Amino acid sequence: MNPLIQKQFQDTADRIDGIRYAFARLQKDAQHQQDQRDKLLQELWSKRKELASLNRLAEDYDSVEAKAQQYEAQKRELRERLRRVLDSLKALRSEFLS
């Protein structure tokens, strides 16, 4: 076979091997990127679930805080009423003892 043609065949074969190698690397890189994408999606879903849970907790906290303030106001009112009852009882006792 003509050496020039044989060299061209060899150069073409070498280029095809280079393209195969590059294609294999691209496939490997693409698979790696797909794996990373899947991992990031899993993390995203996990963070969304966590955020939804935290939002529910925040809503619950606001409700509990409002109830606690309501109970605190009721407690102050009861203490004031009890103080007035106690003052009235002391006054009545003083009247009976005098």
Protein backbone atom coordinates (compact mmCIF):
# COMPACT_ATOMS: atom_id res chain seq x y z
CA MET A 1 0.00 0.00 0.00
CA ASN A 2 1.13 3.48 -0.75
CA PRO A 3 2.92 4.90 2.32
CA LEU A 4 1.10 8.23 2.00
CA ILE A 5 -2.31 6.54 2.00
CA GLN A 6 -1.24 4.26 4.83
CA LYS A 7 -0.18 7.33 6.86
CA GLN A 8 -3.50 9.02 6.16
CA PHE A 9 -5.34 5.87 7.32
CA GLN A 10 -3.20 5.79 10.46
CA ASP A 11 -3.82 9.51 11.11
CA THR A 12 -7.55 8.96 10.61
CA ALA A 13 -7.50 5.96 12.97
CA ASP A 14 -5.59 8.01 15.55
CA ARG A 15 -8.16 10.82 15.27
CA ILE A 16 -11.00 8.32 15.67
CA ASP A 17 -9.31 6.94 18.79
CA GLY A 18 -8.94 10.51 20.11
CA ILE A 19 -12.60 11.20 19.43
CA ARG A 20 -13.59 7.93 21.18
CA TYR A 21 -11.46 8.88 24.17
CA ALA A 22 -12.94 12.41 24.26
CA PHE A 23 -16.45 10.99 23.92
CA ALA A 24 -15.85 8.53 26.78
CA ARG A 25 -14.58 11.39 28.97
CA LEU A 26 -17.61 13.50 28.06
CA GLN A 27 -19.92 10.62 28.95
CA LYS A 28 -18.12 10.17 32.27
CA ASP A 29 -18.34 13.91 32.98
CA ALA A 30 -22.00 13.98 32.01
CA GLN A 31 -22.72 11.08 34.36
CA HIS A 32 -20.84 12.83 37.14
CA GLN A 33 -22.81 16.02 36.55
CA GLN A 34 -26.07 14.05 36.54
CA ASP A 35 -25.09 12.41 39.83
CA GLN A 36 -24.27 15.83 41.31
CA ARG A 37 -27.58 17.22 40.04
CA ASP A 38 -29.48 14.33 41.63
CA LYS A 39 -27.62 14.87 44.90
CA LEU A 40 -28.42 18.60 44.84
CA LEU A 41 -32.08 17.87 44.12
CA GLN A 42 -32.20 15.53 47.12
CA GLU A 43 -30.66 18.24 49.28
CA LEU A 44 -33.13 20.78 47.92
CA TRP A 45 -36.10 18.54 48.73
CA SER A 46 -34.69 17.92 52.19
CA LYS A 47 -34.24 21.65 52.81
CA ARG A 48 -37.77 22.35 51.56
CA LYS A 49 -39.17 19.79 54.00
CA GLU A 50 -37.10 21.30 56.80
CA LEU A 51 -38.27 24.80 55.88
CA ALA A 52 -41.91 23.68 55.85
CA SER A 53 -41.43 22.14 59.30
CA LEU A 54 -39.80 25.28 60.63
CA ASN A 55 -42.62 27.41 59.21
CA ARG A 56 -45.17 25.23 60.99
CA LEU A 57 -43.18 25.52 64.21
CA ALA A 58 -43.04 29.30 63.80
CA GLU A 59 -46.80 29.44 63.33
CA ASP A 60 -47.30 27.22 66.37
CA TYR A 61 -44.88 29.34 68.39
CA ASP A 62 -46.81 32.50 67.58
CA SER A 63 -50.02 30.83 68.71
CA VAL A 64 -48.44 29.52 71.91
CA GLU A 65 -46.87 32.92 72.62
CA ALA A 66 -50.24 34.64 72.19
CA LYS A 67 -51.86 32.13 74.57
CA ALA A 68 -49.07 32.63 77.10
CA GLN A 69 -49.60 36.39 77.02
CA GLN A 70 -53.34 35.87 77.43
CA TYR A 71 -52.77 33.61 80.44
CA GLU A 72 -50.33 36.10 81.92
CA ALA A 73 -52.94 38.86 81.63
CA GLN A 74 -55.54 36.61 83.25
CA LYS A 75 -53.10 35.80 86.04
CA ARG A 76 -52.45 39.50 86.70
CA GLU A 77 -56.20 40.17 86.76
CA LEU A 78 -56.81 37.31 89.19
CA ARG A 79 -54.04 38.52 91.49
CA GLU A 80 -55.55 42.00 91.50
CA ARG A 81 -59.01 40.61 92.29
CA LEU A 82 -57.61 38.40 95.03
CA ARG A 83 -55.76 41.39 96.49
CA ARG A 84 -59.03 43.36 96.56
CA VAL A 85 -60.86 40.44 98.18
CA LEU A 86 -58.10 40.16 100.77
CA ASP A 87 -58.26 43.90 101.43
CA SER A 88 -62.04 43.64 101.84
CA LEU A 89 -61.68 40.72 104.24
CA LYS A 90 -59.13 42.65 106.30
CA ALA A 91 -61.49 45.61 106.44
CA LEU A 92 -64.40 43.39 107.52
CA ARG A 93 -62.28 41.75 110.16
CA SER A 94 -61.26 45.14 111.51
CA GLU A 95 -64.92 46.16 111.69
CA PHE A 96 -65.90 43.03 113.58
CA LEU A 97 -63.02 43.28 115.99
CA SER A 98 -63.57 46.91 116.79
